[in-house]
Amino acid sequence: MSTYLKTSMAAPELGLSQGHLKRQTEDKGGPLKQGEHYFQGPAKNSSIQWDVDACRAAFHRLGMLRRKADQALQAAGITDLAERQSERG
C-alpha cells in the first residue's frame, strides 16, 4: 500500500531536502513522474502529494543502474572517469 505525504513530510522520509525532492520531478529534468511518483492538487497552491514508496523505488533503481555502470566501466579498465571529466572541464 502506498503512502502519500506532502513535501514537508515526504522529504525527510526519503532523506532529502524539500528543494532537492522538488528538483527530482520530470519537469525539472529528474526521474520522478507526475501521476506516478507525485500528484499535484487542483489549485496552484495545493500541496504536492508524494508516493513515498514509488519515489524510494525509483531512487533505488537509479542507484542500482549507477552501480552496474560503474562496475562495467571498471571491468573495461576505466577507473577514474569522474577525475578525467573534471580535468577536461
PDB file of N, CA and C in Angstrom:
ATOM      1  N   MET A   1       0.844  -1.180   0.000  1.00  0.00           N
ATOM      2  CA  MET A   1       0.000   0.000   0.000  1.00  0.00           C
ATOM      3  C   MET A   1       0.884   1.237   0.000  1.00  0.00           C
ATOM      4  N   SER A   2       0.583   2.180  -0.847  1.00  0.00           N
ATOM      5  CA  SER A   2       1.388   3.384  -0.978  1.00  0.00           C
ATOM      6  C   SER A   2       1.086   4.377   0.130  1.00  0.00           C
ATOM      7  N   THR A   3       2.114   5.137   0.479  1.00  0.00           N
ATOM      8  CA  THR A   3       1.986   6.194   1.461  1.00  0.00           C
ATOM      9  C   THR A   3       2.134   7.524   0.739  1.00  0.00           C
ATOM     10  N   TYR A   4       1.121   8.371   0.817  1.00  0.00           N
ATOM     11  CA  TYR A   4       1.158   9.675   0.175  1.00  0.00           C
ATOM     12  C   TYR A   4       1.357  10.741   1.239  1.00  0.00           C
ATOM     13  N   LEU A   5       2.399  11.532   1.053  1.00  0.00           N
ATOM     14  CA  LEU A   5       2.716  12.588   2.011  1.00  0.00           C
ATOM     15  C   LEU A   5       2.981  13.889   1.280  1.00  0.00           C
ATOM     16  N   LYS A   6       2.685  15.007   1.952  1.00  0.00           N
ATOM     17  CA  LYS A   6       3.033  16.282   1.348  1.00  0.00           C
ATOM     18  C   LYS A   6       4.545  16.482   1.452  1.00  0.00           C
ATOM     19  N   THR A   7       5.066  17.420   0.704  1.00  0.00           N
ATOM     20  CA  THR A   7       6.508  17.602   0.554  1.00  0.00           C
ATOM     21  C   THR A   7       7.242  17.698   1.891  1.00  0.00           C
ATOM     22  N   SER A   8       6.701  18.466   2.822  1.00  0.00           N
ATOM     23  CA  SER A   8       7.390  18.667   4.105  1.00  0.00           C
ATOM     24  C   SER A   8       7.538  17.382   4.903  1.00  0.00           C
ATOM     25  N   MET A   9       6.676  16.400   4.646  1.00  0.00           N
ATOM     26  CA  MET A   9       6.759  15.116   5.341  1.00  0.00           C
ATOM     27  C   MET A   9       7.499  14.073   4.508  1.00  0.00           C
ATOM     28  N   ALA A  10       7.336  14.125   3.187  1.00  0.00           N
ATOM     29  CA  ALA A  10       7.951  13.127   2.306  1.00  0.00           C
ATOM     30  C   ALA A  10       9.459  13.288   2.221  1.00  0.00           C
ATOM     31  N   ALA A  11       9.941  14.536   2.166  1.00  0.00           N
ATOM     32  CA  ALA A  11      11.378  14.779   2.004  1.00  0.00           C
ATOM     33  C   ALA A  11      12.206  14.122   3.114  1.00  0.00           C
ATOM     34  N   PRO A  12      11.900  14.374   4.387  1.00  0.00           N
ATOM     35  CA  PRO A  12      12.703  13.703   5.424  1.00  0.00           C
ATOM     36  C   PRO A  12      12.538  12.188   5.436  1.00  0.00           C
ATOM     37  N   GLU A  13      11.377  11.713   5.038  1.00  0.00           N
ATOM     38  CA  GLU A  13      11.142  10.265   4.950  1.00  0.00           C
ATOM     39  C   GLU A  13      12.086   9.625   3.923  1.00  0.00           C
ATOM     40  N   LEU A  14      12.397  10.398   2.864  1.00  0.00           N
ATOM     41  CA  LEU A  14      13.292   9.918   1.814  1.00  0.00           C
ATOM     42  C   LEU A  14      14.746  10.322   2.052  1.00  0.00           C
ATOM     43  N   GLY A  15      14.992  11.088   3.108  1.00  0.00           N
ATOM     44  CA  GLY A  15      16.356  11.519   3.410  1.00  0.00           C
ATOM     45  C   GLY A  15      16.828  12.654   2.511  1.00  0.00           C
ATOM     46  N   LEU A  16      15.904  13.471   2.029  1.00  0.00           N
ATOM     47  CA  LEU A  16      16.225  14.564   1.118  1.00  0.00           C
ATOM     48  C   LEU A  16      15.701  15.882   1.669  1.00  0.00           C
ATOM     49  N   SER A  17      16.234  16.982   1.161  1.00  0.00           N
ATOM     50  CA  SER A  17      15.645  18.277   1.481  1.00  0.00           C
ATOM     51  C   SER A  17      14.412  18.462   0.610  1.00  0.00           C
ATOM     52  N   GLN A  18      13.538  19.361   0.999  1.00  0.00           N
ATOM     53  CA  GLN A  18      12.332  19.622   0.213  1.00  0.00           C
ATOM     54  C   GLN A  18      12.704  20.136  -1.180  1.00  0.00           C
ATOM     55  N   GLY A  19      13.689  21.019  -1.248  1.00  0.00           N
ATOM     56  CA  GLY A  19      14.121  21.568  -2.527  1.00  0.00           C
ATOM     57  C   GLY A  19      14.680  20.496  -3.447  1.00  0.00           C
ATOM     58  N   HIS A  20      15.490  19.600  -2.884  1.00  0.00           N
ATOM     59  CA  HIS A  20      16.074  18.543  -3.711  1.00  0.00           C
ATOM     60  C   HIS A  20      14.988  17.602  -4.230  1.00  0.00           C
ATOM     61  N   LEU A  21      14.031  17.274  -3.381  1.00  0.00           N
ATOM     62  CA  LEU A  21      12.931  16.403  -3.811  1.00  0.00           C
ATOM     63  C   LEU A  21      12.175  17.048  -4.975  1.00  0.00           C
ATOM     64  N   LYS A  22      11.863  18.324  -4.866  1.00  0.00           N
ATOM     65  CA  LYS A  22      11.139  19.012  -5.939  1.00  0.00           C
ATOM     66  C   LYS A  22      11.969  19.094  -7.221  1.00  0.00           C
ATOM     67  N   ARG A  23      13.288  19.165  -7.103  1.00  0.00           N
ATOM     68  CA  ARG A  23      14.151  19.206  -8.288  1.00  0.00           C
ATOM     69  C   ARG A  23      14.243  17.846  -8.984  1.00  0.00           C
ATOM     70  N   GLN A  24      13.723  16.799  -8.368  1.00  0.00           N
ATOM     71  CA  GLN A  24      13.764  15.467  -8.964  1.00  0.00           C
ATOM     72  C   GLN A  24      12.545  15.184  -9.837  1.00  0.00           C
ATOM     73  N   THR A  25      11.662  16.173 -10.020  1.00  0.00           N
ATOM     74  CA  THR A  25      10.483  15.979 -10.864  1.00  0.00           C
ATOM     75  C   THR A  25      10.874  16.047 -12.334  1.00  0.00           C
ATOM     76  N   GLU A  26      10.083  15.379 -13.178  1.00  0.00           N
ATOM     77  CA  GLU A  26      10.398  15.289 -14.599  1.00  0.00           C
ATOM     78  C   GLU A  26      10.438  16.647 -15.280  1.00  0.00           C
ATOM     79  N   ASP A  27       9.636  17.602 -14.820  1.00  0.00           N
ATOM     80  CA  ASP A  27       9.647  18.919 -15.457  1.00  0.00           C
ATOM     81  C   ASP A  27      10.916  19.705 -15.134  1.00  0.00           C
ATOM     82  N   LYS A  28      11.683  19.230 -14.170  1.00  0.00           N
ATOM     83  CA  LYS A  28      12.967  19.851 -13.847  1.00  0.00           C
ATOM     84  C   LYS A  28      14.141  18.938 -14.246  1.00  0.00           C
ATOM     85  N   GLY A  29      13.856  17.928 -15.056  1.00  0.00           N
ATOM     86  CA  GLY A  29      14.897  17.031 -15.548  1.00  0.00           C
ATOM     87  C   GLY A  29      15.178  15.832 -14.670  1.00  0.00           C
ATOM     88  N   GLY A  30      14.370  15.618 -13.655  1.00  0.00           N
ATOM     89  CA  GLY A  30      14.582  14.497 -12.754  1.00  0.00           C
ATOM     90  C   GLY A  30      13.807  13.250 -13.173  1.00  0.00           C
ATOM     91  N   PRO A  31      13.967  12.187 -12.413  1.00  0.00           N
ATOM     92  CA  PRO A  31      13.357  10.901 -12.774  1.00  0.00           C
ATOM     93  C   PRO A  31      11.921  10.694 -12.285  1.00  0.00           C
ATOM     94  N   LEU A  32      11.423  11.573 -11.427  1.00  0.00           N
ATOM     95  CA  LEU A  32      10.103  11.346 -10.835  1.00  0.00           C
ATOM     96  C   LEU A  32       8.999  11.905 -11.729  1.00  0.00           C
ATOM     97  N   LYS A  33       8.022  11.059 -12.029  1.00  0.00           N
ATOM     98  CA  LYS A  33       6.974  11.403 -12.979  1.00  0.00           C
ATOM     99  C   LYS A  33       5.659  11.751 -12.286  1.00  0.00           C
ATOM    100  N   GLN A  34       5.045  12.836 -12.799  1.00  0.00           N
ATOM    101  CA  GLN A  34       3.748  13.241 -12.284  1.00  0.00           C
ATOM    102  C   GLN A  34       2.728  12.157 -12.593  1.00  0.00           C
ATOM    103  N   GLY A  35       1.885  11.856 -11.636  1.00  0.00           N
ATOM    104  CA  GLY A  35       0.873  10.817 -11.802  1.00  0.00           C
ATOM    105  C   GLY A  35       1.359   9.440 -11.414  1.00  0.00           C
ATOM    106  N   GLU A  36       2.649   9.297 -11.236  1.00  0.00           N
ATOM    107  CA  GLU A  36       3.223   8.022 -10.803  1.00  0.00           C
ATOM    108  C   GLU A  36       3.927   8.174  -9.456  1.00  0.00           C
ATOM    109  N   HIS A  37       4.794   9.168  -9.360  1.00  0.00           N
ATOM    110  CA  HIS A  37       5.565   9.394  -8.139  1.00  0.00           C
ATOM    111  C   HIS A  37       5.011  10.542  -7.299  1.00  0.00           C
ATOM    112  N   TYR A  38       4.334  11.463  -7.937  1.00  0.00           N
ATOM    113  CA  TYR A  38       3.743  12.583  -7.205  1.00  0.00           C
ATOM    114  C   TYR A  38       2.483  13.060  -7.910  1.00  0.00           C
ATOM    115  N   PHE A  39       1.640  13.743  -7.147  1.00  0.00           N
ATOM    116  CA  PHE A  39       0.358  14.218  -7.650  1.00  0.00           C
ATOM    117  C   PHE A  39       0.165  15.653  -7.189  1.00  0.00           C
ATOM    118  N   GLN A  40      -0.197  16.510  -8.121  1.00  0.00           N
ATOM    119  CA  GLN A  40      -0.449  17.895  -7.780  1.00  0.00           C
ATOM    120  C   GLN A  40      -1.940  18.086  -7.570  1.00  0.00           C
ATOM    121  N   GLY A  41      -2.281  18.978  -6.657  1.00  0.00           N
ATOM    122  CA  GLY A  41      -3.684  19.232  -6.361  1.00  0.00           C
ATOM    123  C   GLY A  41      -4.348  20.097  -7.418  1.00  0.00           C
ATOM    124  N   PRO A  42      -5.623  20.352  -7.225  1.00  0.00           N
ATOM    125  CA  PRO A  42      -6.394  21.096  -8.221  1.00  0.00           C
ATOM    126  C   PRO A  42      -6.047  22.587  -8.307  1.00  0.00           C
ATOM    127  N   ALA A  43      -5.549  23.151  -7.239  1.00  0.00           N
ATOM    128  CA  ALA A  43      -5.216  24.581  -7.227  1.00  0.00           C
ATOM    129  C   ALA A  43      -3.703  24.773  -7.324  1.00  0.00           C
ATOM    130  N   LYS A  44      -3.303  25.928  -7.791  1.00  0.00           N
ATOM    131  CA  LYS A  44      -1.878  26.228  -7.964  1.00  0.00           C
ATOM    132  C   LYS A  44      -1.106  26.104  -6.645  1.00  0.00           C
ATOM    133  N   ASN A  45      -1.735  26.484  -5.556  1.00  0.00           N
ATOM    134  CA  ASN A  45      -1.054  26.439  -4.258  1.00  0.00           C
ATOM    135  C   ASN A  45      -1.379  25.181  -3.445  1.00  0.00           C
ATOM    136  N   SER A  46      -1.965  24.167  -4.075  1.00  0.00           N
ATOM    137  CA  SER A  46      -2.223  22.886  -3.388  1.00  0.00           C
ATOM    138  C   SER A  46      -0.901  22.182  -3.100  1.00  0.00           C
ATOM    139  N   SER A  47      -0.860  21.459  -2.025  1.00  0.00           N
ATOM    140  CA  SER A  47       0.331  20.683  -1.681  1.00  0.00           C
ATOM    141  C   SER A  47       0.548  19.566  -2.686  1.00  0.00           C
ATOM    142  N   ILE A  48       1.810  19.305  -3.000  1.00  0.00           N
ATOM    143  CA  ILE A  48       2.147  18.146  -3.821  1.00  0.00           C
ATOM    144  C   ILE A  48       2.060  16.925  -2.913  1.00  0.00           C
ATOM    145  N   GLN A  49       1.437  15.873  -3.381  1.00  0.00           N
ATOM    146  CA  GLN A  49       1.346  14.618  -2.643  1.00  0.00           C
ATOM    147  C   GLN A  49       2.320  13.631  -3.277  1.00  0.00           C
ATOM    148  N   TRP A  50       3.240  13.115  -2.483  1.00  0.00           N
ATOM    149  CA  TRP A  50       4.294  12.231  -2.967  1.00  0.00           C
ATOM    150  C   TRP A  50       3.989  10.791  -2.576  1.00  0.00           C
ATOM    151  N   ASP A  51       4.133   9.892  -3.527  1.00  0.00           N
ATOM    152  CA  ASP A  51       4.040   8.456  -3.253  1.00  0.00           C
ATOM    153  C   ASP A  51       5.443   8.039  -2.803  1.00  0.00           C
ATOM    154  N   VAL A  52       5.645   8.022  -1.515  1.00  0.00           N
ATOM    155  CA  VAL A  52       6.971   7.800  -0.935  1.00  0.00           C
ATOM    156  C   VAL A  52       7.559   6.455  -1.360  1.00  0.00           C
ATOM    157  N   ASP A  53       6.736   5.424  -1.392  1.00  0.00           N
ATOM    158  CA  ASP A  53       7.238   4.101  -1.778  1.00  0.00           C
ATOM    159  C   ASP A  53       7.696   4.087  -3.240  1.00  0.00           C
ATOM    160  N   ALA A  54       6.932   4.723  -4.119  1.00  0.00           N
ATOM    161  CA  ALA A  54       7.299   4.772  -5.542  1.00  0.00           C
ATOM    162  C   ALA A  54       8.563   5.613  -5.742  1.00  0.00           C
ATOM    163  N   CYS A  55       8.686   6.717  -5.010  1.00  0.00           N
ATOM    164  CA  CYS A  55       9.888   7.551  -5.095  1.00  0.00           C
ATOM    165  C   CYS A  55      11.108   6.765  -4.631  1.00  0.00           C
ATOM    166  N   ARG A  56      10.964   6.076  -3.519  1.00  0.00           N
ATOM    167  CA  ARG A  56      12.077   5.283  -2.980  1.00  0.00           C
ATOM    168  C   ARG A  56      12.492   4.204  -3.981  1.00  0.00           C
ATOM    169  N   ALA A  57      11.524   3.553  -4.608  1.00  0.00           N
ATOM    170  CA  ALA A  57      11.820   2.510  -5.599  1.00  0.00           C
ATOM    171  C   ALA A  57      12.542   3.111  -6.810  1.00  0.00           C
ATOM    172  N   ALA A  58      12.125   4.297  -7.245  1.00  0.00           N
ATOM    173  CA  ALA A  58      12.774   4.950  -8.395  1.00  0.00           C
ATOM    174  C   ALA A  58      14.217   5.301  -8.065  1.00  0.00           C
ATOM    175  N   PHE A  59      14.453   5.853  -6.875  1.00  0.00           N
ATOM    176  CA  PHE A  59      15.819   6.205  -6.480  1.00  0.00           C
ATOM    177  C   PHE A  59      16.682   4.952  -6.330  1.00  0.00           C
ATOM    178  N   HIS A  60      16.088   3.878  -5.827  1.00  0.00           N
ATOM    179  CA  HIS A  60      16.822   2.618  -5.684  1.00  0.00           C
ATOM    180  C   HIS A  60      17.228   2.084  -7.060  1.00  0.00           C
ATOM    181  N   ARG A  61      16.276   2.104  -8.016  1.00  0.00           N
ATOM    182  CA  ARG A  61      16.554   1.622  -9.367  1.00  0.00           C
ATOM    183  C   ARG A  61      17.678   2.426 -10.010  1.00  0.00           C
ATOM    184  N   LEU A  62      17.645   3.741  -9.849  1.00  0.00           N
ATOM    185  CA  LEU A  62      18.701   4.585 -10.410  1.00  0.00           C
ATOM    186  C   LEU A  62      20.053   4.308  -9.756  1.00  0.00           C
ATOM    187  N   GLY A  63      20.036   4.078  -8.458  1.00  0.00           N
ATOM    188  CA  GLY A  63      21.273   3.746  -7.753  1.00  0.00           C
ATOM    189  C   GLY A  63      21.861   2.430  -8.231  1.00  0.00           C
ATOM    190  N   MET A  64      20.992   1.449  -8.459  1.00  0.00           N
ATOM    191  CA  MET A  64      21.460   0.153  -8.957  1.00  0.00           C
ATOM    192  C   MET A  64      22.037   0.295 -10.366  1.00  0.00           C
ATOM    193  N   LEU A  65      21.383   1.082 -11.220  1.00  0.00           N
ATOM    194  CA  LEU A  65      21.912   1.314 -12.566  1.00  0.00           C
ATOM    195  C   LEU A  65      23.279   1.983 -12.509  1.00  0.00           C
ATOM    196  N   ARG A  66      23.435   2.936 -11.611  1.00  0.00           N
ATOM    197  CA  ARG A  66      24.718   3.632 -11.480  1.00  0.00           C
ATOM    198  C   ARG A  66      25.816   2.666 -11.041  1.00  0.00           C
ATOM    199  N   ARG A  67      25.499   1.811 -10.073  1.00  0.00           N
ATOM    200  CA  ARG A  67      26.498   0.845  -9.599  1.00  0.00           C
ATOM    201  C   ARG A  67      26.881  -0.149 -10.702  1.00  0.00           C
ATOM    202  N   LYS A  68      25.897  -0.597 -11.482  1.00  0.00           N
ATOM    203  CA  LYS A  68      26.194  -1.512 -12.592  1.00  0.00           C
ATOM    204  C   LYS A  68      27.045  -0.819 -13.649  1.00  0.00           C
ATOM    205  N   ALA A  69      26.767   0.441 -13.927  1.00  0.00           N
ATOM    206  CA  ALA A  69      27.563   1.196 -14.902  1.00  0.00           C
ATOM    207  C   ALA A  69      28.988   1.358 -14.396  1.00  0.00           C
ATOM    208  N   ASP A  70      29.146   1.662 -13.120  1.00  0.00           N
ATOM    209  CA  ASP A  70      30.486   1.798 -12.535  1.00  0.00           C
ATOM    210  C   ASP A  70      31.255   0.483 -12.632  1.00  0.00           C
ATOM    211  N   GLN A  71      30.574  -0.640 -12.380  1.00  0.00           N
ATOM    212  CA  GLN A  71      31.220  -1.950 -12.473  1.00  0.00           C
ATOM    213  C   GLN A  71      31.643  -2.249 -13.913  1.00  0.00           C
ATOM    214  N   ALA A  72      30.798  -1.902 -14.874  1.00  0.00           N
ATOM    215  CA  ALA A  72      31.126  -2.138 -16.284  1.00  0.00           C
ATOM    216  C   ALA A  72      32.322  -1.291 -16.705  1.00  0.00           C
ATOM    217  N   LEU A  73      32.350  -0.045 -16.266  1.00  0.00           N
ATOM    218  CA  LEU A  73      33.486   0.821 -16.583  1.00  0.00           C
ATOM    219  C   LEU A  73      34.770   0.275 -15.965  1.00  0.00           C
ATOM    220  N   GLN A  74      34.673  -0.182 -14.729  1.00  0.00           N
ATOM    221  CA  GLN A  74      35.844  -0.737 -14.058  1.00  0.00           C
ATOM    222  C   GLN A  74      36.322  -2.002 -14.771  1.00  0.00           C
ATOM    223  N   ALA A  75      35.391  -2.842 -15.197  1.00  0.00           N
ATOM    224  CA  ALA A  75      35.750  -4.067 -15.923  1.00  0.00           C
ATOM    225  C   ALA A  75      36.417  -3.740 -17.258  1.00  0.00           C
ATOM    226  N   ALA A  76      36.073  -2.597 -17.832  1.00  0.00           N
ATOM    227  CA  ALA A  76      36.670  -2.172 -19.103  1.00  0.00           C
ATOM    228  C   ALA A  76      37.984  -1.418 -18.890  1.00  0.00           C
ATOM    229  N   GLY A  77      38.390  -1.294 -17.630  1.00  0.00           N
ATOM    230  CA  GLY A  77      39.658  -0.635 -17.327  1.00  0.00           C
ATOM    231  C   GLY A  77      39.557   0.864 -17.176  1.00  0.00           C
ATOM    232  N   ILE A  78      38.354   1.383 -17.117  1.00  0.00           N
ATOM    233  CA  ILE A  78      38.155   2.821 -16.907  1.00  0.00           C
ATOM    234  C   ILE A  78      37.821   3.002 -15.435  1.00  0.00           C
ATOM    235  N   THR A  79      38.761   3.561 -14.684  1.00  0.00           N
ATOM    236  CA  THR A  79      38.564   3.643 -13.243  1.00  0.00           C
ATOM    237  C   THR A  79      38.355   5.053 -12.723  1.00  0.00           C
ATOM    238  N   ASP A  80      38.947   6.041 -13.344  1.00  0.00           N
ATOM    239  CA  ASP A  80      38.873   7.398 -12.824  1.00  0.00           C
ATOM    240  C   ASP A  80      38.115   8.317 -13.764  1.00  0.00           C
ATOM    241  N   LEU A  81      36.942   7.888 -14.197  1.00  0.00           N
ATOM    242  CA  LEU A  81      36.166   8.655 -15.161  1.00  0.00           C
ATOM    243  C   LEU A  81      35.801  10.031 -14.629  1.00  0.00           C
ATOM    244  N   ALA A  82      35.354  10.117 -13.385  1.00  0.00           N
ATOM    245  CA  ALA A  82      34.973  11.399 -12.809  1.00  0.00           C
ATOM    246  C   ALA A  82      36.166  12.344 -12.755  1.00  0.00           C
ATOM    247  N   GLU A  83      37.315  11.831 -12.394  1.00  0.00           N
ATOM    248  CA  GLU A  83      38.519  12.665 -12.353  1.00  0.00           C
ATOM    249  C   GLU A  83      38.916  13.124 -13.740  1.00  0.00           C
ATOM    250  N   ARG A  84      38.791  12.251 -14.727  1.00  0.00           N
ATOM    251  CA  ARG A  84      39.142  12.605 -16.103  1.00  0.00           C
ATOM    252  C   ARG A  84      38.213  13.705 -16.629  1.00  0.00           C
ATOM    253  N   GLN A  85      36.928  13.610 -16.299  1.00  0.00           N
ATOM    254  CA  GLN A  85      35.990  14.619 -16.764  1.00  0.00           C
ATOM    255  C   GLN A  85      36.265  15.969 -16.108  1.00  0.00           C
ATOM    256  N   SER A  86      36.637  15.986 -14.836  1.00  0.00           N
ATOM    257  CA  SER A  86      36.905  17.257 -14.170  1.00  0.00           C
ATOM    258  C   SER A  86      38.191  17.880 -14.692  1.00  0.00           C
ATOM    259  N   GLU A  87      39.142  17.075 -15.137  1.00  0.00           N
ATOM    260  CA  GLU A  87      40.378  17.610 -15.716  1.00  0.00           C
ATOM    261  C   GLU A  87      40.118  18.286 -17.058  1.00  0.00           C
ATOM    262  N   ARG A  88      39.147  17.777 -17.800  1.00  0.00           N
ATOM    263  CA  ARG A  88      38.821  18.346 -19.100  1.00  0.00           C
ATOM    264  C   ARG A  88      38.062  19.654 -18.975  1.00  0.00           C
ATOM    265  N   GLY A  89      37.225  19.715 -17.948  1.00  0.00           N
ATOM    266  CA  GLY A  89      36.239  20.759 -17.836  1.00  0.00           C
ATOM    267  C   GLY A  89      36.652  22.065 -17.414  1.00  0.00           C
TER     268      GLY A  89
END
